[in-house]
Amino acid sequence: MRIMRLKEVIDCTGLGRSTIYKYISEGSFPKTVSLGDRAVGWVESEVMGWVMSRIEARDARESLTAESPLGNQPIG
C-alpha cells in the first residue's frame, strides 16, 4: 500500500486542491488518511480507483450515445 501526498494527487487527477477537497466533502472522492498532526495523504489504490471510475463513466456515456438511434444517423 502506498500513500500519495496532495501534489501527487493533483498531478495524477488533474484536479485543483480546492476541487479535491470539495469532492471529499461531497463524498465523491477518497477520504484522506492522517499521517501526523498536520499531514494527510491518500491511499494510492483508492485514488486510482476513482480515476478508473471516471474513465468507465465516460466510456459508458459514449457507448450509450453510439447505440442511440439518433447517434447513428447521418447529418444533412
Protein backbone atom coordinates (compact mmCIF):
# COMPACT_ATOMS: atom_id res chain seq x y z
CA MET A 1 0.00 0.00 0.00
CA ARG A 2 1.29 3.43 -0.93
CA ILE A 3 0.27 6.86 0.36
CA MET A 4 0.12 9.81 -2.03
CA ARG A 5 0.56 13.39 -0.88
CA LEU A 6 -1.54 16.28 -2.24
CA LYS A 7 0.86 17.33 -5.00
CA GLU A 8 0.90 13.82 -6.42
CA VAL A 9 -2.91 13.54 -6.21
CA ILE A 10 -3.20 16.85 -8.08
CA ASP A 11 -0.74 15.64 -10.73
CA CYS A 12 -2.49 12.27 -11.08
CA THR A 13 -6.06 13.56 -11.30
CA GLY A 14 -5.59 16.94 -12.95
CA LEU A 15 -7.83 18.45 -10.28
CA GLY A 16 -7.04 21.51 -8.22
CA ARG A 17 -6.65 21.48 -4.45
CA SER A 18 -10.00 23.14 -3.75
CA THR A 19 -11.82 20.78 -6.13
CA ILE A 20 -10.31 17.74 -4.43
CA TYR A 21 -11.47 18.94 -1.01
CA LYS A 22 -14.89 19.88 -2.42
CA TYR A 23 -15.30 16.36 -3.83
CA ILE A 24 -14.22 14.88 -0.48
CA SER A 25 -16.86 16.95 1.35
CA GLU A 26 -19.47 15.77 -1.18
CA GLY A 27 -18.41 12.16 -0.62
CA SER A 28 -17.36 11.65 -4.23
CA PHE A 29 -13.57 11.43 -3.73
CA PRO A 30 -11.50 9.19 -1.43
CA LYS A 31 -11.02 10.49 2.10
CA THR A 32 -7.63 11.46 3.46
CA VAL A 33 -5.53 9.38 5.83
CA SER A 34 -3.94 11.21 8.75
CA LEU A 35 -0.15 10.91 8.68
CA GLY A 36 0.55 13.14 11.66
CA ASP A 37 -0.62 16.29 13.37
CA ARG A 38 -0.60 18.37 10.19
CA ALA A 39 -0.06 15.89 7.38
CA VAL A 40 -2.52 13.89 5.32
CA GLY A 41 -2.31 11.61 2.33
CA TRP A 42 -4.46 9.42 0.14
CA VAL A 43 -4.29 5.67 -0.44
CA GLU A 44 -2.98 5.32 -4.00
CA SER A 45 -5.30 2.42 -4.90
CA GLU A 46 -8.35 4.46 -3.82
CA VAL A 47 -7.30 7.45 -5.93
CA MET A 48 -6.58 5.22 -8.93
CA GLY A 49 -9.96 3.52 -8.41
CA TRP A 50 -11.63 6.94 -8.51
CA VAL A 51 -9.79 7.79 -11.75
CA MET A 52 -10.83 4.45 -13.28
CA SER A 53 -14.47 5.05 -12.28
CA ARG A 54 -14.37 8.38 -14.15
CA ILE A 55 -12.98 6.63 -17.24
CA GLU A 56 -15.63 3.89 -17.02
CA ALA A 57 -18.40 6.50 -16.67
CA ARG A 58 -17.09 8.29 -19.77
CA ASP A 59 -16.95 5.04 -21.73
CA ALA A 60 -20.49 4.12 -20.66
CA ARG A 61 -21.79 7.52 -21.82
CA GLU A 62 -20.01 7.13 -25.17
CA SER A 63 -21.42 3.62 -25.55
CA LEU A 64 -24.97 4.86 -24.92
CA THR A 65 -24.51 7.64 -27.47
CA ALA A 66 -23.21 5.20 -30.09
CA GLU A 67 -26.14 2.82 -29.50
CA SER A 68 -28.74 5.59 -29.66
CA PRO A 69 -30.88 5.56 -32.83
CA LEU A 70 -30.18 9.26 -33.22
CA GLY A 71 -26.45 8.76 -32.71
CA ASN A 72 -26.02 6.79 -35.94
CA GLN A 73 -28.00 8.97 -38.35
CA PRO A 74 -26.10 10.95 -40.96
CA ILE A 75 -26.24 14.72 -40.68
CA GLY A 76 -27.86 16.63 -43.51
